[in-house]
Amino acid sequence: MDGSLITILLLAALAVIALSVFFTFVPVMLWISALASGVRVGIITLVAMRLRRVIPSRIVNPMIKATKAGLGLTINQLESHFLAGGNVDRVVNALIAAHRANIHLEFERAAAIDLAGRDVLQAVQMSVNPKVIETPTVSAVAKDGIEVKVIARVTVRANIDRLVGGAGEETIIARVGEGIVTTVGSAGSHKEVLENPDLISRTVLGKGLDAGTAFEILSIDIADVDVGKNIGAHLQTEQAEADKRIAQAKAEERRAMAVAQEQEMKARVVEMKAKVVEAESEVPLAMAEALRDGKMGVMDYMNLKNIDADTQMRSSLGRMNEPGKDGEDT
């Protein structure tokens, strides 16, 4: 009796384990939910998904939503997109939103957009409800040299046909900023921009800035316009300061050259004095040689000494008669 009871309990436990493994591997409840929703999917197909390492609920639940929304999708389409690494649930939600908004969007294009890394559901929502992109403060300078700071709001709508390979929001912001700089720079005065800020939006909008992007620009509105610095006067001041430094450098260069030339002249004067002293030192030698050779007599030499003494006396008397010399003033 005890042995048979133990056997029954073991069989019951094995049956419970077997049923648990069966219902875990074979999603019977998911199959029943699909049948109740009108989705024709076989139990063998669900088991095959397990073998292909595909989570059946990730395929069946989006398929139920697509069937209820009236989309003609198949299990193979959703499973192939899942195996490619896509988000099946997001693609189905985007298709449903596009269908409700009367936007033509095929499954293949939605799957391609999702695999490209873009949020296809957000793109569909942006097509229905446009998005406003606010640019950072763009600084531009008018022809009169006054800086103008502009903030713009760009209303864009997603272009589903260009989502794959189209540029993003950063390109839109960069192009709008470039258009603002060009428009303000071509204005003769900053007052023209302040009086007619719509001139910026009209000019920028007419440039076709949405070409090659994933968006369609609906409008460009100027949110704020402020006057900045007087860039022209600032540049002129810096130029004048630079010119002054250049002039000072050139003047310093000329002064240094003048000082160098003065020192050179002083060196030449010293050199000339040395030559004079050298020449004067040769005079006694020449006189001695003339006396030895008999070309000059003793009387001639005495007369020369008398003339030299007379010249020195006259020089001394002349210095004594100069104003401020020896206490005499004239």
C-alpha atoms as a PDB file:
ATOM      1  CA  MET A   1       0.000   0.000   0.000  1.00  0.00           C
ATOM      2  CA  ASP A   2       2.710   2.380   0.901  1.00  0.00           C
ATOM      3  CA  GLY A   3       4.707   1.423  -2.199  1.00  0.00           C
ATOM      4  CA  SER A   4       1.785   2.000  -4.558  1.00  0.00           C
ATOM      5  CA  LEU A   5       1.063   5.399  -2.964  1.00  0.00           C
ATOM      6  CA  ILE A   6       4.648   6.458  -3.460  1.00  0.00           C
ATOM      7  CA  THR A   7       4.488   5.321  -7.063  1.00  0.00           C
ATOM      8  CA  ILE A   8       1.313   7.343  -7.671  1.00  0.00           C
ATOM      9  CA  LEU A   9       2.860  10.442  -6.122  1.00  0.00           C
ATOM     10  CA  LEU A  10       5.977  10.056  -8.273  1.00  0.00           C
ATOM     11  CA  LEU A  11       3.888   9.635 -11.397  1.00  0.00           C
ATOM     12  CA  ALA A  12       1.825  12.697 -10.488  1.00  0.00           C
ATOM     13  CA  ALA A  13       4.977  14.742  -9.930  1.00  0.00           C
ATOM     14  CA  LEU A  14       6.428  13.583 -13.223  1.00  0.00           C
ATOM     15  CA  ALA A  15       3.156  14.463 -14.943  1.00  0.00           C
ATOM     16  CA  VAL A  16       3.172  17.948 -13.432  1.00  0.00           C
ATOM     17  CA  ILE A  17       6.775  18.482 -14.497  1.00  0.00           C
ATOM     18  CA  ALA A  18       6.063  17.197 -17.975  1.00  0.00           C
ATOM     19  CA  LEU A  19       3.016  19.460 -18.340  1.00  0.00           C
ATOM     20  CA  SER A  20       5.015  22.440 -17.063  1.00  0.00           C
ATOM     21  CA  VAL A  21       7.765  21.812 -19.586  1.00  0.00           C
ATOM     22  CA  PHE A  22       5.200  21.259 -22.319  1.00  0.00           C
ATOM     23  CA  PHE A  23       3.266  24.448 -21.632  1.00  0.00           C
ATOM     24  CA  THR A  24       6.532  26.375 -21.266  1.00  0.00           C
ATOM     25  CA  PHE A  25       7.884  25.182 -24.581  1.00  0.00           C
ATOM     26  CA  VAL A  26       4.514  25.129 -26.355  1.00  0.00           C
ATOM     27  CA  PRO A  27       2.643  28.427 -25.772  1.00  0.00           C
ATOM     28  CA  VAL A  28      -0.848  26.971 -25.726  1.00  0.00           C
ATOM     29  CA  MET A  29      -2.415  29.963 -23.992  1.00  0.00           C
ATOM     30  CA  LEU A  30      -0.867  32.308 -26.570  1.00  0.00           C
ATOM     31  CA  TRP A  31      -2.258  30.070 -29.326  1.00  0.00           C
ATOM     32  CA  ILE A  32      -5.711  30.220 -27.748  1.00  0.00           C
ATOM     33  CA  SER A  33      -5.511  34.024 -27.482  1.00  0.00           C
ATOM     34  CA  ALA A  34      -4.523  34.257 -31.141  1.00  0.00           C
ATOM     35  CA  LEU A  35      -7.429  32.062 -32.223  1.00  0.00           C
ATOM     36  CA  ALA A  36      -9.829  34.086 -30.114  1.00  0.00           C
ATOM     37  CA  SER A  37      -8.560  37.272 -31.808  1.00  0.00           C
ATOM     38  CA  GLY A  38      -8.929  35.890 -35.298  1.00  0.00           C
ATOM     39  CA  VAL A  39      -5.233  35.323 -35.940  1.00  0.00           C
ATOM     40  CA  ARG A  40      -4.708  32.014 -37.720  1.00  0.00           C
ATOM     41  CA  VAL A  41      -1.447  30.634 -36.417  1.00  0.00           C
ATOM     42  CA  GLY A  42      -0.700  26.960 -35.925  1.00  0.00           C
ATOM     43  CA  ILE A  43       0.663  25.435 -32.776  1.00  0.00           C
ATOM     44  CA  ILE A  44       3.463  23.913 -34.837  1.00  0.00           C
ATOM     45  CA  THR A  45       4.398  27.398 -36.054  1.00  0.00           C
ATOM     46  CA  LEU A  46       4.722  28.584 -32.461  1.00  0.00           C
ATOM     47  CA  VAL A  47       6.923  25.592 -31.611  1.00  0.00           C
ATOM     48  CA  ALA A  48       9.046  26.320 -34.681  1.00  0.00           C
ATOM     49  CA  MET A  49       9.497  29.881 -33.412  1.00  0.00           C
ATOM     50  CA  ARG A  50      10.907  28.458 -30.203  1.00  0.00           C
ATOM     51  CA  LEU A  51      13.343  26.386 -32.212  1.00  0.00           C
ATOM     52  CA  ARG A  52      14.399  29.456 -34.208  1.00  0.00           C
ATOM     53  CA  ARG A  53      14.972  31.322 -30.905  1.00  0.00           C
ATOM     54  CA  VAL A  54      12.099  33.677 -31.561  1.00  0.00           C
ATOM     55  CA  ILE A  55       9.898  34.680 -28.631  1.00  0.00           C
ATOM     56  CA  PRO A  56       6.361  33.845 -29.831  1.00  0.00           C
ATOM     57  CA  SER A  57       4.719  36.569 -27.755  1.00  0.00           C
ATOM     58  CA  ARG A  58       6.873  39.208 -29.526  1.00  0.00           C
ATOM     59  CA  ILE A  59       5.282  38.109 -32.799  1.00  0.00           C
ATOM     60  CA  VAL A  60       1.767  37.029 -31.895  1.00  0.00           C
ATOM     61  CA  ASN A  61       0.780  40.010 -29.758  1.00  0.00           C
ATOM     62  CA  PRO A  62       1.745  42.594 -32.437  1.00  0.00           C
ATOM     63  CA  MET A  63      -0.003  40.367 -34.996  1.00  0.00           C
ATOM     64  CA  ILE A  64      -3.186  40.502 -32.923  1.00  0.00           C
ATOM     65  CA  LYS A  65      -3.004  44.312 -32.823  1.00  0.00           C
ATOM     66  CA  ALA A  66      -2.392  44.476 -36.570  1.00  0.00           C
ATOM     67  CA  THR A  67      -5.304  42.157 -37.310  1.00  0.00           C
ATOM     68  CA  LYS A  68      -7.656  44.124 -35.091  1.00  0.00           C
ATOM     69  CA  ALA A  69      -6.547  47.349 -36.825  1.00  0.00           C
ATOM     70  CA  GLY A  70      -7.244  45.888 -40.244  1.00  0.00           C
ATOM     71  CA  LEU A  71      -3.649  45.649 -41.450  1.00  0.00           C
ATOM     72  CA  GLY A  72      -2.842  42.857 -43.860  1.00  0.00           C
ATOM     73  CA  LEU A  73       0.333  41.571 -42.237  1.00  0.00           C
ATOM     74  CA  THR A  74       1.623  38.051 -42.038  1.00  0.00           C
ATOM     75  CA  ILE A  75       3.480  36.098 -39.397  1.00  0.00           C
ATOM     76  CA  ASN A  76       6.464  35.648 -41.712  1.00  0.00           C
ATOM     77  CA  GLN A  77       6.860  39.432 -42.168  1.00  0.00           C
ATOM     78  CA  LEU A  78       6.890  40.090 -38.434  1.00  0.00           C
ATOM     79  CA  GLU A  79       9.175  37.142 -37.696  1.00  0.00           C
ATOM     80  CA  SER A  80      11.683  38.121 -40.390  1.00  0.00           C
ATOM     81  CA  HIS A  81      11.813  41.666 -39.025  1.00  0.00           C
ATOM     82  CA  PHE A  82      12.375  40.312 -35.510  1.00  0.00           C
ATOM     83  CA  LEU A  83      15.197  38.074 -36.710  1.00  0.00           C
ATOM     84  CA  ALA A  84      16.783  41.096 -38.453  1.00  0.00           C
ATOM     85  CA  GLY A  85      17.000  42.851 -35.080  1.00  0.00           C
ATOM     86  CA  GLY A  86      14.022  45.166 -35.466  1.00  0.00           C
ATOM     87  CA  ASN A  87      11.373  46.217 -32.980  1.00  0.00           C
ATOM     88  CA  VAL A  88       8.210  44.497 -34.204  1.00  0.00           C
ATOM     89  CA  ASP A  89       5.889  46.088 -31.669  1.00  0.00           C
ATOM     90  CA  ARG A  90       7.050  49.625 -32.545  1.00  0.00           C
ATOM     91  CA  VAL A  91       6.692  49.005 -36.281  1.00  0.00           C
ATOM     92  CA  VAL A  92       3.142  47.672 -35.853  1.00  0.00           C
ATOM     93  CA  ASN A  93       2.193  50.643 -33.658  1.00  0.00           C
ATOM     94  CA  ALA A  94       3.571  53.006 -36.310  1.00  0.00           C
ATOM     95  CA  LEU A  95       1.594  51.239 -39.038  1.00  0.00           C
ATOM     96  CA  ILE A  96      -1.575  51.475 -36.980  1.00  0.00           C
ATOM     97  CA  ALA A  97      -1.007  55.189 -36.295  1.00  0.00           C
ATOM     98  CA  ALA A  98      -0.312  55.839 -39.982  1.00  0.00           C
ATOM     99  CA  HIS A  99      -3.430  53.888 -40.979  1.00  0.00           C
ATOM    100  CA  ARG A 100      -5.582  55.914 -38.583  1.00  0.00           C
ATOM    101  CA  ALA A 101      -4.101  59.190 -39.884  1.00  0.00           C
ATOM    102  CA  ASN A 102      -4.550  58.187 -43.569  1.00  0.00           C
ATOM    103  CA  ILE A 103      -0.800  58.241 -44.134  1.00  0.00           C
ATOM    104  CA  HIS A 104       0.423  55.758 -46.730  1.00  0.00           C
ATOM    105  CA  LEU A 105       3.082  53.655 -45.048  1.00  0.00           C
ATOM    106  CA  GLU A 106       3.983  50.155 -46.115  1.00  0.00           C
ATOM    107  CA  PHE A 107       5.431  47.508 -43.831  1.00  0.00           C
ATOM    108  CA  GLU A 108       8.687  47.243 -45.785  1.00  0.00           C
ATOM    109  CA  ARG A 109       9.364  50.988 -45.520  1.00  0.00           C
ATOM    110  CA  ALA A 110       8.446  51.044 -41.827  1.00  0.00           C
ATOM    111  CA  ALA A 111      10.753  48.075 -41.207  1.00  0.00           C
ATOM    112  CA  ALA A 112      13.582  49.779 -43.129  1.00  0.00           C
ATOM    113  CA  ILE A 113      13.144  52.967 -41.077  1.00  0.00           C
ATOM    114  CA  ASP A 114      13.225  50.945 -37.853  1.00  0.00           C
ATOM    115  CA  LEU A 115      16.335  49.008 -38.893  1.00  0.00           C
ATOM    116  CA  ALA A 116      18.026  52.298 -39.832  1.00  0.00           C
ATOM    117  CA  GLY A 117      17.888  53.284 -36.156  1.00  0.00           C
ATOM    118  CA  ARG A 118      15.094  55.843 -36.356  1.00  0.00           C
ATOM    119  CA  ASP A 119      11.946  55.768 -34.250  1.00  0.00           C
ATOM    120  CA  VAL A 120       9.301  55.065 -36.889  1.00  0.00           C
ATOM    121  CA  LEU A 121       6.443  55.603 -34.441  1.00  0.00           C
ATOM    122  CA  GLN A 122       7.793  59.020 -33.471  1.00  0.00           C
ATOM    123  CA  ALA A 123       8.170  59.854 -37.168  1.00  0.00           C
ATOM    124  CA  VAL A 124       4.511  59.038 -37.818  1.00  0.00           C
ATOM    125  CA  GLN A 125       3.456  61.060 -34.781  1.00  0.00           C
ATOM    126  CA  MET A 126       5.581  63.974 -36.005  1.00  0.00           C
ATOM    127  CA  SER A 127       3.890  63.750 -39.392  1.00  0.00           C
ATOM    128  CA  VAL A 128       0.538  64.158 -37.683  1.00  0.00           C
ATOM    129  CA  ASN A 129       1.673  66.621 -35.008  1.00  0.00           C
ATOM    130  CA  PRO A 130       4.569  68.825 -36.293  1.00  0.00           C
ATOM    131  CA  LYS A 131       7.507  69.473 -33.999  1.00  0.00           C
ATOM    132  CA  VAL A 132       8.925  72.865 -33.059  1.00  0.00           C
ATOM    133  CA  ILE A 133      12.728  73.117 -33.003  1.00  0.00           C
ATOM    134  CA  GLU A 134      14.225  76.160 -31.257  1.00  0.00           C
ATOM    135  CA  THR A 135      17.606  77.262 -32.490  1.00  0.00           C
ATOM    136  CA  PRO A 136      20.306  78.528 -30.119  1.00  0.00           C
ATOM    137  CA  THR A 137      21.124  82.223 -30.124  1.00  0.00           C
ATOM    138  CA  VAL A 138      22.562  83.087 -33.535  1.00  0.00           C
ATOM    139  CA  SER A 139      24.885  86.112 -33.612  1.00  0.00           C
ATOM    140  CA  ALA A 140      25.146  88.047 -36.885  1.00  0.00           C
ATOM    141  CA  VAL A 141      26.538  91.469 -37.844  1.00  0.00           C
ATOM    142  CA  ALA A 142      24.792  93.943 -40.148  1.00  0.00           C
ATOM    143  CA  LYS A 143      26.638  96.162 -42.605  1.00  0.00           C
ATOM    144  CA  ASP A 144      26.691  99.055 -40.116  1.00  0.00           C
ATOM    145  CA  GLY A 145      28.778  96.918 -37.734  1.00  0.00           C
ATOM    146  CA  ILE A 146      26.075  96.337 -35.095  1.00  0.00           C
ATOM    147  CA  GLU A 147      25.655  92.798 -33.768  1.00  0.00           C
ATOM    148  CA  VAL A 148      22.155  91.275 -33.864  1.00  0.00           C
ATOM    149  CA  LYS A 149      21.261  88.204 -31.787  1.00  0.00           C
ATOM    150  CA  VAL A 150      18.383  86.114 -33.142  1.00  0.00           C
ATOM    151  CA  ILE A 151      16.488  83.099 -31.789  1.00  0.00           C
ATOM    152  CA  ALA A 152      14.220  81.275 -34.228  1.00  0.00           C
ATOM    153  CA  ARG A 153      11.614  78.534 -33.878  1.00  0.00           C
ATOM    154  CA  VAL A 154      11.389  76.114 -36.780  1.00  0.00           C
ATOM    155  CA  THR A 155       8.199  74.066 -37.211  1.00  0.00           C
ATOM    156  CA  VAL A 156       8.996  70.812 -39.008  1.00  0.00           C
ATOM    157  CA  ARG A 157       7.047  67.779 -40.062  1.00  0.00           C
ATOM    158  CA  ALA A 158       8.622  64.373 -40.601  1.00  0.00           C
ATOM    159  CA  ASN A 159       8.981  63.330 -44.225  1.00  0.00           C
ATOM    160  CA  ILE A 160       8.556  59.565 -44.119  1.00  0.00           C
ATOM    161  CA  ASP A 161       9.825  59.110 -47.664  1.00  0.00           C
ATOM    162  CA  ARG A 162      13.177  60.669 -46.713  1.00  0.00           C
ATOM    163  CA  LEU A 163      13.621  59.212 -43.235  1.00  0.00           C
ATOM    164  CA  VAL A 164      16.097  56.659 -44.552  1.00  0.00           C
ATOM    165  CA  GLY A 165      19.223  58.559 -45.603  1.00  0.00           C
ATOM    166  CA  GLY A 166      17.866  62.017 -44.736  1.00  0.00           C
ATOM    167  CA  ALA A 167      19.683  64.496 -42.487  1.00  0.00           C
ATOM    168  CA  GLY A 168      18.474  65.126 -38.949  1.00  0.00           C
ATOM    169  CA  GLU A 169      17.568  68.064 -36.738  1.00  0.00           C
ATOM    170  CA  GLU A 170      21.184  69.228 -36.385  1.00  0.00           C
ATOM    171  CA  THR A 171      21.335  69.918 -40.116  1.00  0.00           C
ATOM    172  CA  ILE A 172      18.100  71.934 -39.976  1.00  0.00           C
ATOM    173  CA  ILE A 173      19.438  74.043 -37.095  1.00  0.00           C
ATOM    174  CA  ALA A 174      22.768  74.618 -38.875  1.00  0.00           C
ATOM    175  CA  ARG A 175      21.085  75.666 -42.126  1.00  0.00           C
ATOM    176  CA  VAL A 176      18.670  78.013 -40.368  1.00  0.00           C
ATOM    177  CA  GLY A 177      21.583  79.611 -38.484  1.00  0.00           C
ATOM    178  CA  GLU A 178      23.470  80.071 -41.753  1.00  0.00           C
ATOM    179  CA  GLY A 179      20.422  81.674 -43.345  1.00  0.00           C
ATOM    180  CA  ILE A 180      20.017  84.072 -40.407  1.00  0.00           C
ATOM    181  CA  VAL A 181      23.677  85.133 -40.607  1.00  0.00           C
ATOM    182  CA  THR A 182      23.378  85.694 -44.372  1.00  0.00           C
ATOM    183  CA  THR A 183      20.149  87.688 -44.082  1.00  0.00           C
ATOM    184  CA  VAL A 184      21.361  89.931 -41.252  1.00  0.00           C
ATOM    185  CA  GLY A 185      24.751  90.394 -42.918  1.00  0.00           C
ATOM    186  CA  SER A 186      23.122  91.595 -46.139  1.00  0.00           C
ATOM    187  CA  ALA A 187      20.999  94.188 -44.286  1.00  0.00           C
ATOM    188  CA  GLY A 188      22.286  97.733 -44.593  1.00  0.00           C
ATOM    189  CA  SER A 189      21.479  98.560 -40.976  1.00  0.00           C
ATOM    190  CA  HIS A 190      20.524  96.624 -37.874  1.00  0.00           C
ATOM    191  CA  LYS A 191      17.431  98.825 -37.646  1.00  0.00           C
ATOM    192  CA  GLU A 192      16.042  97.145 -40.760  1.00  0.00           C
ATOM    193  CA  VAL A 193      16.195  93.792 -38.997  1.00  0.00           C
ATOM    194  CA  LEU A 194      14.612  95.164 -35.829  1.00  0.00           C
ATOM    195  CA  GLU A 195      11.809  96.846 -37.787  1.00  0.00           C
ATOM    196  CA  ASN A 196      11.043  93.820 -39.968  1.00  0.00           C
ATOM    197  CA  PRO A 197      12.059  90.573 -38.237  1.00  0.00           C
ATOM    198  CA  ASP A 198       9.816  88.645 -40.643  1.00  0.00           C
ATOM    199  CA  LEU A 199      12.371  89.572 -43.317  1.00  0.00           C
ATOM    200  CA  ILE A 200      14.614  86.902 -41.802  1.00  0.00           C
ATOM    201  CA  SER A 201      11.924  84.214 -41.769  1.00  0.00           C
ATOM    202  CA  ARG A 202      10.816  84.943 -45.350  1.00  0.00           C
ATOM    203  CA  THR A 203      14.360  84.936 -46.695  1.00  0.00           C
ATOM    204  CA  VAL A 204      15.414  81.812 -44.819  1.00  0.00           C
ATOM    205  CA  LEU A 205      12.219  79.928 -45.662  1.00  0.00           C
ATOM    206  CA  GLY A 206      12.671  80.713 -49.352  1.00  0.00           C
ATOM    207  CA  LYS A 207      16.086  79.031 -49.458  1.00  0.00           C
ATOM    208  CA  GLY A 208      14.665  75.506 -49.371  1.00  0.00           C
ATOM    209  CA  LEU A 209      16.608  74.448 -46.311  1.00  0.00           C
ATOM    210  CA  ASP A 210      14.768  71.121 -45.965  1.00  0.00           C
ATOM    211  CA  ALA A 211      16.319  69.678 -49.112  1.00  0.00           C
ATOM    212  CA  GLY A 212      17.973  66.340 -48.397  1.00  0.00           C
ATOM    213  CA  THR A 213      16.678  66.195 -44.820  1.00  0.00           C
ATOM    214  CA  ALA A 214      14.184  63.889 -43.130  1.00  0.00           C
ATOM    215  CA  PHE A 215      11.879  66.810 -42.381  1.00  0.00           C
ATOM    216  CA  GLU A 216       9.659  69.294 -44.158  1.00  0.00           C
ATOM    217  CA  ILE A 217       9.895  72.863 -42.871  1.00  0.00           C
ATOM    218  CA  LEU A 218       6.432  74.341 -42.393  1.00  0.00           C
ATOM    219  CA  SER A 219       7.373  77.723 -40.942  1.00  0.00           C
ATOM    220  CA  ILE A 220      10.254  79.681 -39.437  1.00  0.00           C
ATOM    221  CA  ASP A 221       9.272  82.168 -36.745  1.00  0.00           C
ATOM    222  CA  ILE A 222      11.565  84.695 -35.078  1.00  0.00           C
ATOM    223  CA  ALA A 223      11.193  84.279 -31.318  1.00  0.00           C
ATOM    224  CA  ASP A 224      13.605  86.970 -30.139  1.00  0.00           C
ATOM    225  CA  VAL A 225      15.803  89.707 -31.647  1.00  0.00           C
ATOM    226  CA  ASP A 226      18.329  91.607 -29.521  1.00  0.00           C
ATOM    227  CA  VAL A 227      21.001  94.186 -30.288  1.00  0.00           C
ATOM    228  CA  GLY A 228      24.489  93.146 -29.266  1.00  0.00           C
ATOM    229  CA  LYS A 229      27.849  94.908 -29.367  1.00  0.00           C
ATOM    230  CA  ASN A 230      29.092  97.462 -31.847  1.00  0.00           C
ATOM    231  CA  ILE A 231      31.384  95.022 -33.573  1.00  0.00           C
ATOM    232  CA  GLY A 232      32.443  97.561 -36.221  1.00  0.00           C
ATOM    233  CA  ALA A 233      33.645 100.098 -33.657  1.00  0.00           C
ATOM    234  CA  HIS A 234      35.318  97.345 -31.662  1.00  0.00           C
ATOM    235  CA  LEU A 235      37.189  96.147 -34.730  1.00  0.00           C
ATOM    236  CA  GLN A 236      38.213  99.700 -35.626  1.00  0.00           C
ATOM    237  CA  THR A 237      39.497 100.233 -32.082  1.00  0.00           C
ATOM    238  CA  GLU A 238      41.502  97.034 -32.230  1.00  0.00           C
ATOM    239  CA  GLN A 239      42.868  98.040 -35.648  1.00  0.00           C
ATOM    240  CA  ALA A 240      43.883 101.455 -34.344  1.00  0.00           C
ATOM    241  CA  GLU A 241      45.559  99.841 -31.346  1.00  0.00           C
ATOM    242  CA  ALA A 242      47.393  97.447 -33.653  1.00  0.00           C
ATOM    243  CA  ASP A 243      48.499 100.342 -35.889  1.00  0.00           C
ATOM    244  CA  LYS A 244      49.749 102.214 -32.814  1.00  0.00           C
ATOM    245  CA  ARG A 245      51.797  99.224 -31.688  1.00  0.00           C
ATOM    246  CA  ILE A 246      53.233  98.871 -35.184  1.00  0.00           C
ATOM    247  CA  ALA A 247      54.146 102.586 -35.265  1.00  0.00           C
ATOM    248  CA  GLN A 248      55.754 102.315 -31.823  1.00  0.00           C
ATOM    249  CA  ALA A 249      57.738  99.299 -32.941  1.00  0.00           C
ATOM    250  CA  LYS A 250      58.945 101.124 -36.056  1.00  0.00           C
ATOM    251  CA  ALA A 251      59.868 104.214 -33.993  1.00  0.00           C
ATOM    252  CA  GLU A 252      61.774 102.037 -31.549  1.00  0.00           C
ATOM    253  CA  GLU A 253      63.542 100.443 -34.491  1.00  0.00           C
ATOM    254  CA  ARG A 254      64.537 103.862 -35.869  1.00  0.00           C
ATOM    255  CA  ARG A 255      65.720 104.991 -32.403  1.00  0.00           C
ATOM    256  CA  ALA A 256      67.840 101.878 -32.020  1.00  0.00           C
ATOM    257  CA  MET A 257      69.332 102.457 -35.472  1.00  0.00           C
ATOM    258  CA  ALA A 258      70.069 106.103 -34.555  1.00  0.00           C
ATOM    259  CA  VAL A 259      71.750 105.039 -31.310  1.00  0.00           C
ATOM    260  CA  ALA A 260      73.796 102.460 -33.177  1.00  0.00           C
ATOM    261  CA  GLN A 261      74.811 105.040 -35.772  1.00  0.00           C
ATOM    262  CA  GLU A 262      75.763 107.505 -33.023  1.00  0.00           C
ATOM    263  CA  GLN A 263      77.954 104.922 -31.363  1.00  0.00           C
ATOM    264  CA  GLU A 264      79.500 104.160 -34.731  1.00  0.00           C
ATOM    265  CA  MET A 265      80.266 107.859 -35.267  1.00  0.00           C
ATOM    266  CA  LYS A 266      81.844 108.091 -31.821  1.00  0.00           C
ATOM    267  CA  ALA A 267      83.999 105.117 -32.632  1.00  0.00           C
ATOM    268  CA  ARG A 268      85.059 106.783 -35.878  1.00  0.00           C
ATOM    269  CA  VAL A 269      85.916 110.025 -33.998  1.00  0.00           C
ATOM    270  CA  VAL A 270      88.082 108.068 -31.583  1.00  0.00           C
ATOM    271  CA  GLU A 271      89.676 106.327 -34.535  1.00  0.00           C
ATOM    272  CA  MET A 272      90.386 109.677 -36.236  1.00  0.00           C
ATOM    273  CA  LYS A 273      91.892 111.103 -33.010  1.00  0.00           C
ATOM    274  CA  ALA A 274      94.103 108.070 -32.765  1.00  0.00           C
ATOM    275  CA  LYS A 275      95.289 108.677 -36.306  1.00  0.00           C
ATOM    276  CA  VAL A 276      95.975 112.346 -35.475  1.00  0.00           C
ATOM    277  CA  VAL A 277      97.982 111.347 -32.403  1.00  0.00           C
ATOM    278  CA  GLU A 278      99.839 108.823 -34.486  1.00  0.00           C
ATOM    279  CA  ALA A 279     100.577 111.463 -37.110  1.00  0.00           C
ATOM    280  CA  GLU A 280     101.696 113.977 -34.454  1.00  0.00           C
ATOM    281  CA  SER A 281     104.035 111.392 -32.957  1.00  0.00           C
ATOM    282  CA  GLU A 282     105.806 111.128 -36.314  1.00  0.00           C
ATOM    283  CA  VAL A 283     106.551 114.900 -36.443  1.00  0.00           C
ATOM    284  CA  PRO A 284     109.485 114.845 -33.930  1.00  0.00           C
ATOM    285  CA  LEU A 285     110.914 111.830 -35.718  1.00  0.00           C
ATOM    286  CA  ALA A 286     110.700 113.604 -39.056  1.00  0.00           C
ATOM    287  CA  MET A 287     112.319 116.766 -37.600  1.00  0.00           C
ATOM    288  CA  ALA A 288     115.135 114.687 -36.057  1.00  0.00           C
ATOM    289  CA  GLU A 289     115.722 112.975 -39.367  1.00  0.00           C
ATOM    290  CA  ALA A 290     115.724 116.368 -41.146  1.00  0.00           C
ATOM    291  CA  LEU A 291     118.307 117.717 -38.671  1.00  0.00           C
ATOM    292  CA  ARG A 292     120.547 114.679 -39.199  1.00  0.00           C
ATOM    293  CA  ASP A 293     120.303 114.916 -42.967  1.00  0.00           C
ATOM    294  CA  GLY A 294     121.046 118.658 -42.922  1.00  0.00           C
ATOM    295  CA  LYS A 295     117.718 119.520 -44.512  1.00  0.00           C
ATOM    296  CA  MET A 296     116.872 121.697 -41.510  1.00  0.00           C
ATOM    297  CA  GLY A 297     119.148 123.965 -39.539  1.00  0.00           C
ATOM    298  CA  VAL A 298     119.284 124.706 -35.830  1.00  0.00           C
ATOM    299  CA  MET A 299     117.960 128.230 -36.399  1.00  0.00           C
ATOM    300  CA  ASP A 300     115.041 126.848 -38.321  1.00  0.00           C
ATOM    301  CA  TYR A 301     114.252 124.554 -35.435  1.00  0.00           C
ATOM    302  CA  MET A 302     114.517 127.448 -32.906  1.00  0.00           C
ATOM    303  CA  ASN A 303     112.219 129.607 -35.038  1.00  0.00           C
ATOM    304  CA  LEU A 304     109.699 126.761 -35.132  1.00  0.00           C
ATOM    305  CA  LYS A 305     109.812 126.427 -31.342  1.00  0.00           C
ATOM    306  CA  ASN A 306     109.319 130.192 -30.956  1.00  0.00           C
ATOM    307  CA  ILE A 307     106.298 130.079 -33.261  1.00  0.00           C
ATOM    308  CA  ASP A 308     104.855 127.181 -31.263  1.00  0.00           C
ATOM    309  CA  ALA A 309     105.386 129.041 -27.947  1.00  0.00           C
ATOM    310  CA  ASP A 310     103.836 132.189 -29.395  1.00  0.00           C
ATOM    311  CA  THR A 311     100.807 130.190 -30.562  1.00  0.00           C
ATOM    312  CA  GLN A 312     100.344 128.619 -27.119  1.00  0.00           C
ATOM    313  CA  MET A 313     100.594 132.094 -25.461  1.00  0.00           C
ATOM    314  CA  ARG A 314      97.952 133.541 -27.788  1.00  0.00           C
ATOM    315  CA  SER A 315      95.673 130.582 -27.083  1.00  0.00           C
ATOM    316  CA  SER A 316      96.043 131.088 -23.329  1.00  0.00           C
ATOM    317  CA  LEU A 317      95.225 134.803 -23.651  1.00  0.00           C
ATOM    318  CA  GLY A 318      92.210 134.018 -25.787  1.00  0.00           C
ATOM    319  CA  ARG A 319      90.845 131.601 -23.194  1.00  0.00           C
ATOM    320  CA  MET A 320      91.315 134.172 -20.445  1.00  0.00           C
ATOM    321  CA  ASN A 321      89.148 136.707 -22.330  1.00  0.00           C
ATOM    322  CA  GLU A 322      86.229 134.267 -22.823  1.00  0.00           C
ATOM    323  CA  PRO A 323      83.048 134.949 -20.697  1.00  0.00           C
ATOM    324  CA  GLY A 324      82.924 132.956 -17.449  1.00  0.00           C
ATOM    325  CA  LYS A 325      86.687 132.232 -17.485  1.00  0.00           C
ATOM    326  CA  ASP A 326      88.878 133.167 -14.462  1.00  0.00           C
ATOM    327  CA  GLY A 327      85.917 134.994 -12.806  1.00  0.00           C
ATOM    328  CA  GLU A 328      85.440 137.555 -15.651  1.00  0.00           C
ATOM    329  CA  ASP A 329      81.985 138.164 -17.216  1.00  0.00           C
ATOM    330  CA  THR A 330      81.315 140.222 -20.295  1.00  0.00           C
END
